[in-house]
């Protein structure tokens, strides 16, 4: 009998409010109950990273007689992180346009300087308030240590430290043997970032290519006794021969001709690269003959 009375005294689901409303900036004070009787009140507090709005807005809701909660809106706003400042010789960019909780700032250095520290800072929770995720970075002057020494070569002007955008130049030493040294790589290096040069130091070594011989062809340009790195040769096929490949070849860093030596043959190929006067003349005559034949067929 007592149990029945207690059950009758409890509010039914239809006579109670459900879960209190949830908010992005506020949270319920204390643990929630399964249901609330009309007239019961719940209190809210600002979530971490948020503070009460000014002027203050209500932060409580009441379970009404119709079993719904009284109207309530977010009454808190984001806290703001302290002024982050701007690094000397650099800039700061507020990505969200503010320093409020959840925002981030990006840092960049002016030309000639490099960043030490975090490139991005976040306004995040720190204890019961908010703070930036790291210290303000700094912008230091870009310098480069002397680039590496090379065998059989040297830097024209040597220094232990070079400033940003400063240039060094390499030069090969005179050879004591019958063949001269060739500089393979970039002659000029530029200090582009902290201890970073625009490219690796070059090499100084003897690079020779074999004397270029192409059957049924003559060297139209570039005749010499020895062929070193970057030497260029232009070929011309004999009369009535057609060139297959490139008429211009260069002595490459590996001591081979680039591209490979061409060939001169009696047979013409549509894809042939024609570079000599005689072969070009023959090719033009063939094209002219085909063009006339085609027009003749069209007319008749």
C-alpha atoms as a PDB file:
ATOM      1  CA  UNK A   1       0.000   0.000   0.000  1.00  0.00           C
ATOM      2  CA  UNK A   2       2.862   2.421   0.886  1.00  0.00           C
ATOM      3  CA  UNK A   3       4.597   1.630  -2.406  1.00  0.00           C
ATOM      4  CA  UNK A   4       1.471   2.471  -4.372  1.00  0.00           C
ATOM      5  CA  UNK A   5       1.188   5.836  -2.611  1.00  0.00           C
ATOM      6  CA  UNK A   6       4.826   6.697  -3.360  1.00  0.00           C
ATOM      7  CA  UNK A   7       4.383   5.826  -7.022  1.00  0.00           C
ATOM      8  CA  UNK A   8       1.308   8.049  -7.202  1.00  0.00           C
ATOM      9  CA  UNK A   9       3.253  10.955  -5.689  1.00  0.00           C
ATOM     10  CA  UNK A  10       6.020  10.751  -8.359  1.00  0.00           C
ATOM     11  CA  UNK A  11       5.503  12.842 -11.485  1.00  0.00           C
ATOM     12  CA  UNK A  12       4.812  10.883 -14.652  1.00  0.00           C
ATOM     13  CA  UNK A  13       6.769  11.428 -17.842  1.00  0.00           C
ATOM     14  CA  UNK A  14       3.950  13.597 -19.157  1.00  0.00           C
ATOM     15  CA  UNK A  15       4.121  15.751 -16.019  1.00  0.00           C
ATOM     16  CA  UNK A  16       7.845  16.555 -16.123  1.00  0.00           C
ATOM     17  CA  UNK A  17      10.464  18.368 -18.245  1.00  0.00           C
ATOM     18  CA  UNK A  18      13.106  16.366 -20.037  1.00  0.00           C
ATOM     19  CA  UNK A  19      16.818  17.167 -20.344  1.00  0.00           C
ATOM     20  CA  UNK A  20      17.648  20.871 -19.918  1.00  0.00           C
ATOM     21  CA  UNK A  21      18.680  22.624 -23.134  1.00  0.00           C
ATOM     22  CA  UNK A  22      22.348  22.503 -24.166  1.00  0.00           C
ATOM     23  CA  UNK A  23      24.443  25.493 -25.214  1.00  0.00           C
ATOM     24  CA  UNK A  24      27.774  26.000 -26.953  1.00  0.00           C
ATOM     25  CA  UNK A  25      29.138  28.492 -24.435  1.00  0.00           C
ATOM     26  CA  UNK A  26      27.397  27.314 -21.224  1.00  0.00           C
ATOM     27  CA  UNK A  27      27.170  24.078 -19.276  1.00  0.00           C
ATOM     28  CA  UNK A  28      24.787  22.862 -16.556  1.00  0.00           C
ATOM     29  CA  UNK A  29      25.871  23.349 -12.950  1.00  0.00           C
ATOM     30  CA  UNK A  30      25.911  20.004 -11.161  1.00  0.00           C
ATOM     31  CA  UNK A  31      24.759  16.624 -12.456  1.00  0.00           C
ATOM     32  CA  UNK A  32      21.581  16.499 -14.562  1.00  0.00           C
ATOM     33  CA  UNK A  33      18.452  14.639 -13.314  1.00  0.00           C
ATOM     34  CA  UNK A  34      16.346  12.166 -15.325  1.00  0.00           C
ATOM     35  CA  UNK A  35      13.435  14.608 -15.268  1.00  0.00           C
ATOM     36  CA  UNK A  36      12.350  17.832 -13.621  1.00  0.00           C
ATOM     37  CA  UNK A  37       9.016  18.823 -12.028  1.00  0.00           C
ATOM     38  CA  UNK A  38       7.300  22.057 -13.036  1.00  0.00           C
ATOM     39  CA  UNK A  39       8.768  24.963 -11.103  1.00  0.00           C
ATOM     40  CA  UNK A  40      12.236  23.449 -10.789  1.00  0.00           C
ATOM     41  CA  UNK A  41      15.106  25.667 -11.871  1.00  0.00           C
ATOM     42  CA  UNK A  42      18.506  24.797 -13.376  1.00  0.00           C
ATOM     43  CA  UNK A  43      21.568  27.031 -13.334  1.00  0.00           C
ATOM     44  CA  UNK A  44      24.253  27.357 -16.043  1.00  0.00           C
ATOM     45  CA  UNK A  45      27.867  28.453 -15.902  1.00  0.00           C
ATOM     46  CA  UNK A  46      30.237  29.499 -18.684  1.00  0.00           C
ATOM     47  CA  UNK A  47      32.300  26.731 -20.238  1.00  0.00           C
ATOM     48  CA  UNK A  48      36.085  26.882 -20.053  1.00  0.00           C
ATOM     49  CA  UNK A  49      37.377  29.503 -22.463  1.00  0.00           C
ATOM     50  CA  UNK A  50      34.216  31.602 -22.146  1.00  0.00           C
ATOM     51  CA  UNK A  51      33.054  34.452 -19.881  1.00  0.00           C
ATOM     52  CA  UNK A  52      29.669  36.108 -19.137  1.00  0.00           C
ATOM     53  CA  UNK A  53      28.408  38.611 -21.669  1.00  0.00           C
ATOM     54  CA  UNK A  54      28.256  42.299 -20.739  1.00  0.00           C
ATOM     55  CA  UNK A  55      25.610  43.379 -19.889  1.00  0.00           C
ATOM     56  CA  UNK A  56      24.836  40.091 -18.140  1.00  0.00           C
ATOM     57  CA  UNK A  57      22.099  37.828 -19.497  1.00  0.00           C
ATOM     58  CA  UNK A  58      20.047  35.228 -17.540  1.00  0.00           C
ATOM     59  CA  UNK A  59      21.802  31.898 -17.011  1.00  0.00           C
ATOM     60  CA  UNK A  60      18.926  29.870 -15.538  1.00  0.00           C
ATOM     61  CA  UNK A  61      15.917  28.040 -16.961  1.00  0.00           C
ATOM     62  CA  UNK A  62      12.644  26.945 -15.305  1.00  0.00           C
ATOM     63  CA  UNK A  63      10.573  23.854 -15.977  1.00  0.00           C
ATOM     64  CA  UNK A  64       7.178  25.331 -16.872  1.00  0.00           C
ATOM     65  CA  UNK A  65       3.681  23.979 -16.212  1.00  0.00           C
ATOM     66  CA  UNK A  66       3.422  22.850 -19.838  1.00  0.00           C
ATOM     67  CA  UNK A  67       6.485  20.667 -19.257  1.00  0.00           C
ATOM     68  CA  UNK A  68       8.808  22.794 -21.411  1.00  0.00           C
ATOM     69  CA  UNK A  69      11.811  24.829 -20.392  1.00  0.00           C
ATOM     70  CA  UNK A  70      11.655  28.611 -20.262  1.00  0.00           C
ATOM     71  CA  UNK A  71      13.394  30.440 -23.088  1.00  0.00           C
ATOM     72  CA  UNK A  72      17.145  30.923 -22.627  1.00  0.00           C
ATOM     73  CA  UNK A  73      19.986  31.939 -24.907  1.00  0.00           C
ATOM     74  CA  UNK A  74      23.781  31.663 -24.801  1.00  0.00           C
ATOM     75  CA  UNK A  75      24.896  34.135 -22.155  1.00  0.00           C
ATOM     76  CA  UNK A  76      28.681  33.688 -22.535  1.00  0.00           C
ATOM     77  CA  UNK A  77      31.292  34.819 -25.065  1.00  0.00           C
ATOM     78  CA  UNK A  78      34.849  33.733 -25.835  1.00  0.00           C
ATOM     79  CA  UNK A  79      37.613  34.987 -23.625  1.00  0.00           C
ATOM     80  CA  UNK A  80      40.403  36.908 -25.307  1.00  0.00           C
ATOM     81  CA  UNK A  81      44.097  36.002 -25.245  1.00  0.00           C
ATOM     82  CA  UNK A  82      46.612  38.716 -24.295  1.00  0.00           C
ATOM     83  CA  UNK A  83      48.103  40.956 -26.970  1.00  0.00           C
ATOM     84  CA  UNK A  84      50.527  38.683 -28.828  1.00  0.00           C
ATOM     85  CA  UNK A  85      52.696  41.470 -30.236  1.00  0.00           C
ATOM     86  CA  UNK A  86      54.676  41.404 -33.464  1.00  0.00           C
ATOM     87  CA  UNK A  87      58.220  40.050 -33.833  1.00  0.00           C
ATOM     88  CA  UNK A  88      60.907  42.485 -34.872  1.00  0.00           C
ATOM     89  CA  UNK A  89      61.608  42.097 -38.611  1.00  0.00           C
ATOM     90  CA  UNK A  90      58.438  40.058 -39.063  1.00  0.00           C
ATOM     91  CA  UNK A  91      54.663  40.178 -39.379  1.00  0.00           C
ATOM     92  CA  UNK A  92      51.725  38.581 -37.585  1.00  0.00           C
ATOM     93  CA  UNK A  93      48.460  37.541 -39.223  1.00  0.00           C
ATOM     94  CA  UNK A  94      45.302  36.973 -37.156  1.00  0.00           C
ATOM     95  CA  UNK A  95      43.672  34.206 -39.181  1.00  0.00           C
ATOM     96  CA  UNK A  96      40.242  34.645 -37.548  1.00  0.00           C
ATOM     97  CA  UNK A  97      40.591  38.402 -37.334  1.00  0.00           C
ATOM     98  CA  UNK A  98      40.696  38.338 -33.526  1.00  0.00           C
ATOM     99  CA  UNK A  99      42.537  36.983 -30.478  1.00  0.00           C
ATOM    100  CA  UNK A 100      39.467  35.246 -29.011  1.00  0.00           C
ATOM    101  CA  UNK A 101      39.478  31.687 -27.666  1.00  0.00           C
ATOM    102  CA  UNK A 102      39.879  29.219 -30.555  1.00  0.00           C
ATOM    103  CA  UNK A 103      41.670  31.733 -32.772  1.00  0.00           C
ATOM    104  CA  UNK A 104      45.126  31.306 -34.257  1.00  0.00           C
ATOM    105  CA  UNK A 105      47.864  33.641 -35.445  1.00  0.00           C
ATOM    106  CA  UNK A 106      50.491  32.993 -38.127  1.00  0.00           C
ATOM    107  CA  UNK A 107      53.963  34.544 -38.150  1.00  0.00           C
ATOM    108  CA  UNK A 108      56.312  35.277 -41.047  1.00  0.00           C
ATOM    109  CA  UNK A 109      59.681  36.993 -41.229  1.00  0.00           C
ATOM    110  CA  UNK A 110      60.731  39.753 -43.587  1.00  0.00           C
ATOM    111  CA  UNK A 111      63.121  38.899 -46.458  1.00  0.00           C
ATOM    112  CA  UNK A 112      66.595  38.273 -45.110  1.00  0.00           C
ATOM    113  CA  UNK A 113      65.367  36.817 -41.809  1.00  0.00           C
ATOM    114  CA  UNK A 114      64.309  33.346 -40.658  1.00  0.00           C
ATOM    115  CA  UNK A 115      61.834  32.266 -37.970  1.00  0.00           C
ATOM    116  CA  UNK A 116      62.904  30.724 -34.668  1.00  0.00           C
ATOM    117  CA  UNK A 117      60.005  29.296 -32.679  1.00  0.00           C
ATOM    118  CA  UNK A 118      56.418  28.324 -33.476  1.00  0.00           C
ATOM    119  CA  UNK A 119      55.055  29.564 -36.795  1.00  0.00           C
ATOM    120  CA  UNK A 120      51.450  29.249 -35.560  1.00  0.00           C
ATOM    121  CA  UNK A 121      50.075  30.078 -32.094  1.00  0.00           C
ATOM    122  CA  UNK A 122      46.634  29.025 -30.813  1.00  0.00           C
ATOM    123  CA  UNK A 123      44.479  30.809 -28.242  1.00  0.00           C
ATOM    124  CA  UNK A 124      43.665  27.874 -25.949  1.00  0.00           C
ATOM    125  CA  UNK A 125      42.590  27.016 -22.405  1.00  0.00           C
ATOM    126  CA  UNK A 126      45.210  27.533 -19.713  1.00  0.00           C
ATOM    127  CA  UNK A 127      43.931  26.762 -16.213  1.00  0.00           C
ATOM    128  CA  UNK A 128      40.734  28.753 -15.713  1.00  0.00           C
ATOM    129  CA  UNK A 129      41.574  31.280 -18.433  1.00  0.00           C
ATOM    130  CA  UNK A 130      43.021  31.325 -21.976  1.00  0.00           C
ATOM    131  CA  UNK A 131      46.550  31.937 -23.247  1.00  0.00           C
ATOM    132  CA  UNK A 132      48.641  31.530 -26.377  1.00  0.00           C
ATOM    133  CA  UNK A 133      49.988  28.038 -26.989  1.00  0.00           C
ATOM    134  CA  UNK A 134      53.649  29.145 -27.168  1.00  0.00           C
ATOM    135  CA  UNK A 135      55.977  32.094 -26.807  1.00  0.00           C
ATOM    136  CA  UNK A 136      56.275  34.768 -29.452  1.00  0.00           C
ATOM    137  CA  UNK A 137      58.774  33.608 -32.112  1.00  0.00           C
ATOM    138  CA  UNK A 138      61.706  35.751 -33.205  1.00  0.00           C
ATOM    139  CA  UNK A 139      63.166  36.623 -36.617  1.00  0.00           C
ATOM    140  CA  UNK A 140      66.925  36.227 -36.917  1.00  0.00           C
ATOM    141  CA  UNK A 141      69.170  37.452 -39.724  1.00  0.00           C
ATOM    142  CA  UNK A 142      69.802  34.850 -42.418  1.00  0.00           C
ATOM    143  CA  UNK A 143      73.454  33.936 -42.842  1.00  0.00           C
ATOM    144  CA  UNK A 144      75.201  31.065 -44.585  1.00  0.00           C
ATOM    145  CA  UNK A 145      78.368  29.292 -43.549  1.00  0.00           C
ATOM    146  CA  UNK A 146      81.042  29.011 -46.217  1.00  0.00           C
ATOM    147  CA  UNK A 147      80.061  26.476 -48.881  1.00  0.00           C
ATOM    148  CA  UNK A 148      82.076  23.301 -49.249  1.00  0.00           C
ATOM    149  CA  UNK A 149      85.503  23.118 -50.826  1.00  0.00           C
ATOM    150  CA  UNK A 150      85.828  21.241 -54.092  1.00  0.00           C
ATOM    151  CA  UNK A 151      88.629  19.136 -55.531  1.00  0.00           C
ATOM    152  CA  UNK A 152      90.616  20.815 -58.296  1.00  0.00           C
ATOM    153  CA  UNK A 153      88.725  24.076 -57.755  1.00  0.00           C
ATOM    154  CA  UNK A 154      88.130  26.993 -55.385  1.00  0.00           C
ATOM    155  CA  UNK A 155      85.819  29.834 -54.382  1.00  0.00           C
ATOM    156  CA  UNK A 156      86.910  33.102 -55.953  1.00  0.00           C
ATOM    157  CA  UNK A 157      86.284  35.131 -52.753  1.00  0.00           C
ATOM    158  CA  UNK A 158      86.296  33.099 -49.527  1.00  0.00           C
ATOM    159  CA  UNK A 159      84.616  34.214 -46.273  1.00  0.00           C
ATOM    160  CA  UNK A 160      83.556  32.267 -43.189  1.00  0.00           C
ATOM    161  CA  UNK A 161      80.059  33.808 -43.135  1.00  0.00           C
ATOM    162  CA  UNK A 162      77.935  35.140 -46.009  1.00  0.00           C
ATOM    163  CA  UNK A 163      74.883  37.379 -45.723  1.00  0.00           C
ATOM    164  CA  UNK A 164      71.458  36.702 -47.229  1.00  0.00           C
ATOM    165  CA  UNK A 165      71.473  36.959 -51.065  1.00  0.00           C
ATOM    166  CA  UNK A 166      75.281  37.090 -51.103  1.00  0.00           C
ATOM    167  CA  UNK A 167      76.908  35.254 -54.007  1.00  0.00           C
ATOM    168  CA  UNK A 168      79.922  32.961 -54.223  1.00  0.00           C
ATOM    169  CA  UNK A 169      81.571  31.885 -57.453  1.00  0.00           C
ATOM    170  CA  UNK A 170      83.578  28.744 -58.150  1.00  0.00           C
ATOM    171  CA  UNK A 171      86.483  28.376 -60.527  1.00  0.00           C
ATOM    172  CA  UNK A 172      88.517  25.343 -61.558  1.00  0.00           C
ATOM    173  CA  UNK A 173      92.269  25.262 -61.003  1.00  0.00           C
ATOM    174  CA  UNK A 174      94.668  24.959 -63.953  1.00  0.00           C
ATOM    175  CA  UNK A 175      95.351  21.344 -64.863  1.00  0.00           C
ATOM    176  CA  UNK A 176      98.840  19.902 -64.567  1.00  0.00           C
ATOM    177  CA  UNK A 177      98.029  17.243 -67.157  1.00  0.00           C
ATOM    178  CA  UNK A 178      97.287  17.278 -70.877  1.00  0.00           C
ATOM    179  CA  UNK A 179      93.551  17.882 -70.345  1.00  0.00           C
ATOM    180  CA  UNK A 180      91.860  20.881 -68.764  1.00  0.00           C
ATOM    181  CA  UNK A 181      89.326  20.691 -65.933  1.00  0.00           C
ATOM    182  CA  UNK A 182      85.669  21.352 -66.657  1.00  0.00           C
ATOM    183  CA  UNK A 183      83.308  22.872 -64.067  1.00  0.00           C
ATOM    184  CA  UNK A 184      80.251  20.606 -63.739  1.00  0.00           C
ATOM    185  CA  UNK A 185      77.260  22.204 -62.024  1.00  0.00           C
ATOM    186  CA  UNK A 186      76.444  25.768 -61.038  1.00  0.00           C
ATOM    187  CA  UNK A 187      79.271  28.292 -61.199  1.00  0.00           C
ATOM    188  CA  UNK A 188      77.398  30.721 -58.927  1.00  0.00           C
ATOM    189  CA  UNK A 189      75.747  29.898 -55.588  1.00  0.00           C
ATOM    190  CA  UNK A 190      73.418  32.249 -53.662  1.00  0.00           C
ATOM    191  CA  UNK A 191      72.660  32.296 -49.915  1.00  0.00           C
ATOM    192  CA  UNK A 192      68.863  31.785 -50.081  1.00  0.00           C
ATOM    193  CA  UNK A 193      68.018  30.756 -46.490  1.00  0.00           C
ATOM    194  CA  UNK A 194      69.709  30.143 -43.155  1.00  0.00           C
ATOM    195  CA  UNK A 195      72.753  27.982 -43.979  1.00  0.00           C
ATOM    196  CA  UNK A 196      71.129  27.052 -47.282  1.00  0.00           C
ATOM    197  CA  UNK A 197      72.710  27.701 -50.674  1.00  0.00           C
ATOM    198  CA  UNK A 198      70.833  27.786 -53.966  1.00  0.00           C
ATOM    199  CA  UNK A 199      72.514  24.556 -55.104  1.00  0.00           C
ATOM    200  CA  UNK A 200      75.245  22.091 -54.201  1.00  0.00           C
ATOM    201  CA  UNK A 201      78.860  23.049 -54.989  1.00  0.00           C
ATOM    202  CA  UNK A 202      80.002  22.082 -58.503  1.00  0.00           C
ATOM    203  CA  UNK A 203      82.747  19.625 -59.481  1.00  0.00           C
ATOM    204  CA  UNK A 204      85.987  20.227 -61.332  1.00  0.00           C
ATOM    205  CA  UNK A 205      87.080  17.218 -63.340  1.00  0.00           C
ATOM    206  CA  UNK A 206      88.313  16.202 -66.751  1.00  0.00           C
ATOM    207  CA  UNK A 207      85.377  15.432 -69.050  1.00  0.00           C
ATOM    208  CA  UNK A 208      86.198  14.367 -72.604  1.00  0.00           C
ATOM    209  CA  UNK A 209      84.062  12.943 -75.359  1.00  0.00           C
ATOM    210  CA  UNK A 210      85.317  10.752 -78.190  1.00  0.00           C
ATOM    211  CA  UNK A 211      85.861  12.389 -81.551  1.00  0.00           C
ATOM    212  CA  UNK A 212      82.373  12.393 -83.140  1.00  0.00           C
ATOM    213  CA  UNK A 213      82.212  10.403 -86.353  1.00  0.00           C
ATOM    214  CA  UNK A 214      78.988  10.017 -88.320  1.00  0.00           C
ATOM    215  CA  UNK A 215      79.128   7.995 -91.523  1.00  0.00           C
ATOM    216  CA  UNK A 216      78.066   9.898 -94.651  1.00  0.00           C
ATOM    217  CA  UNK A 217      78.203  13.209 -92.769  1.00  0.00           C
ATOM    218  CA  UNK A 218      80.577  16.090 -92.147  1.00  0.00           C
ATOM    219  CA  UNK A 219      80.984  18.399 -89.142  1.00  0.00           C
ATOM    220  CA  UNK A 220      79.479  21.711 -90.242  1.00  0.00           C
ATOM    221  CA  UNK A 221      80.418  23.495 -87.034  1.00  0.00           C
ATOM    222  CA  UNK A 222      82.504  22.738 -83.960  1.00  0.00           C
ATOM    223  CA  UNK A 223      85.603  21.107 -85.420  1.00  0.00           C
ATOM    224  CA  UNK A 224      88.392  20.852 -82.857  1.00  0.00           C
ATOM    225  CA  UNK A 225      91.172  18.530 -81.764  1.00  0.00           C
ATOM    226  CA  UNK A 226      89.651  17.589 -78.386  1.00  0.00           C
ATOM    227  CA  UNK A 227      86.093  17.740 -77.161  1.00  0.00           C
ATOM    228  CA  UNK A 228      85.548  18.709 -73.533  1.00  0.00           C
ATOM    229  CA  UNK A 229      82.412  19.245 -71.427  1.00  0.00           C
ATOM    230  CA  UNK A 230      79.699  21.326 -73.168  1.00  0.00           C
ATOM    231  CA  UNK A 231      81.488  21.260 -76.524  1.00  0.00           C
ATOM    232  CA  UNK A 232      78.918  21.458 -79.325  1.00  0.00           C
ATOM    233  CA  UNK A 233      79.033  19.883 -82.781  1.00  0.00           C
ATOM    234  CA  UNK A 234      76.714  20.417 -85.756  1.00  0.00           C
ATOM    235  CA  UNK A 235      76.488  17.690 -88.434  1.00  0.00           C
ATOM    236  CA  UNK A 236      75.516  17.923 -92.095  1.00  0.00           C
ATOM    237  CA  UNK A 237      74.696  14.859 -94.160  1.00  0.00           C
ATOM    238  CA  UNK A 238      76.309  14.385 -97.562  1.00  0.00           C
ATOM    239  CA  UNK A 239      74.246  14.961-100.685  1.00  0.00           C
ATOM    240  CA  UNK A 240      71.399  12.469-101.213  1.00  0.00           C
ATOM    241  CA  UNK A 241      71.520  11.353 -97.564  1.00  0.00           C
ATOM    242  CA  UNK A 242      68.899  12.039 -94.952  1.00  0.00           C
ATOM    243  CA  UNK A 243      69.580  12.815 -91.282  1.00  0.00           C
ATOM    244  CA  UNK A 244      67.968  10.693 -88.563  1.00  0.00           C
ATOM    245  CA  UNK A 245      68.260  12.203 -85.082  1.00  0.00           C
ATOM    246  CA  UNK A 246      69.533  15.596 -83.970  1.00  0.00           C
ATOM    247  CA  UNK A 247      72.013  17.509 -86.078  1.00  0.00           C
ATOM    248  CA  UNK A 248      73.336  19.193 -82.891  1.00  0.00           C
ATOM    249  CA  UNK A 249      75.013  17.194 -80.106  1.00  0.00           C
ATOM    250  CA  UNK A 250      76.762  18.321 -76.917  1.00  0.00           C
ATOM    251  CA  UNK A 251      79.482  16.662 -74.843  1.00  0.00           C
ATOM    252  CA  UNK A 252      77.741  15.760 -71.578  1.00  0.00           C
ATOM    253  CA  UNK A 253      79.001  15.540 -67.993  1.00  0.00           C
ATOM    254  CA  UNK A 254      79.420  11.752 -68.283  1.00  0.00           C
ATOM    255  CA  UNK A 255      81.736  11.998 -71.300  1.00  0.00           C
ATOM    256  CA  UNK A 256      79.064  10.953 -73.818  1.00  0.00           C
ATOM    257  CA  UNK A 257      77.372  12.844 -76.619  1.00  0.00           C
ATOM    258  CA  UNK A 258      73.884  14.112 -75.801  1.00  0.00           C
ATOM    259  CA  UNK A 259      71.673  13.238 -77.519  1.00  0.00           C
ATOM    260  CA  UNK A 260      73.312  10.256 -79.187  1.00  0.00           C
ATOM    261  CA  UNK A 261      75.053  10.795 -82.512  1.00  0.00           C
ATOM    262  CA  UNK A 262      72.681  10.924 -85.503  1.00  0.00           C
ATOM    263  CA  UNK A 263      72.757   8.771 -88.632  1.00  0.00           C
ATOM    264  CA  UNK A 264      72.724   9.675 -92.317  1.00  0.00           C
ATOM    265  CA  UNK A 265      71.003   7.165 -94.604  1.00  0.00           C
ATOM    266  CA  UNK A 266      69.561   6.988 -98.087  1.00  0.00           C
ATOM    267  CA  UNK A 267      66.058   6.437 -96.710  1.00  0.00           C
ATOM    268  CA  UNK A 268      63.956   9.398 -95.634  1.00  0.00           C
ATOM    269  CA  UNK A 269      61.610   9.076 -92.653  1.00  0.00           C
ATOM    270  CA  UNK A 270      58.686  11.412 -92.050  1.00  0.00           C
ATOM    271  CA  UNK A 271      59.827  12.083 -88.465  1.00  0.00           C
ATOM    272  CA  UNK A 272      63.427  12.876 -89.495  1.00  0.00           C
ATOM    273  CA  UNK A 273      64.909  16.086 -88.090  1.00  0.00           C
ATOM    274  CA  UNK A 274      66.319  17.770 -91.187  1.00  0.00           C
ATOM    275  CA  UNK A 275      69.100  20.260 -90.625  1.00  0.00           C
ATOM    276  CA  UNK A 276      71.410  20.193 -93.671  1.00  0.00           C
ATOM    277  CA  UNK A 277      70.948  22.174 -96.868  1.00  0.00           C
ATOM    278  CA  UNK A 278      71.017  19.153 -99.180  1.00  0.00           C
ATOM    279  CA  UNK A 279      68.689  16.948 -97.116  1.00  0.00           C
ATOM    280  CA  UNK A 280      66.319  19.882 -96.473  1.00  0.00           C
ATOM    281  CA  UNK A 281      66.168  20.565-100.212  1.00  0.00           C
ATOM    282  CA  UNK A 282      65.306  16.919-100.939  1.00  0.00           C
ATOM    283  CA  UNK A 283      62.649  16.907 -98.260  1.00  0.00           C
ATOM    284  CA  UNK A 284      61.045  20.119 -99.583  1.00  0.00           C
ATOM    285  CA  UNK A 285      60.971  18.682-103.121  1.00  0.00           C
ATOM    286  CA  UNK A 286      59.215  15.565-101.847  1.00  0.00           C
ATOM    287  CA  UNK A 287      56.620  17.633 -99.974  1.00  0.00           C
ATOM    288  CA  UNK A 288      56.070  19.835-103.039  1.00  0.00           C
ATOM    289  CA  UNK A 289      55.539  16.774-105.220  1.00  0.00           C
ATOM    290  CA  UNK A 290      52.989  15.338-102.782  1.00  0.00           C
ATOM    291  CA  UNK A 291      51.206  18.686-102.541  1.00  0.00           C
ATOM    292  CA  UNK A 292      50.904  18.999-106.360  1.00  0.00           C
ATOM    293  CA  UNK A 293      49.684  15.407-106.654  1.00  0.00           C
ATOM    294  CA  UNK A 294      47.026  15.995-103.996  1.00  0.00           C
ATOM    295  CA  UNK A 295      45.759  19.158-105.740  1.00  0.00           C
ATOM    296  CA  UNK A 296      45.640  17.267-109.040  1.00  0.00           C
ATOM    297  CA  UNK A 297      43.480  14.546-107.486  1.00  0.00           C
ATOM    298  CA  UNK A 298      41.123  17.115-105.940  1.00  0.00           C
ATOM    299  CA  UNK A 299      40.618  18.938-109.271  1.00  0.00           C
ATOM    300  CA  UNK A 300      39.831  15.764-111.171  1.00  0.00           C
END
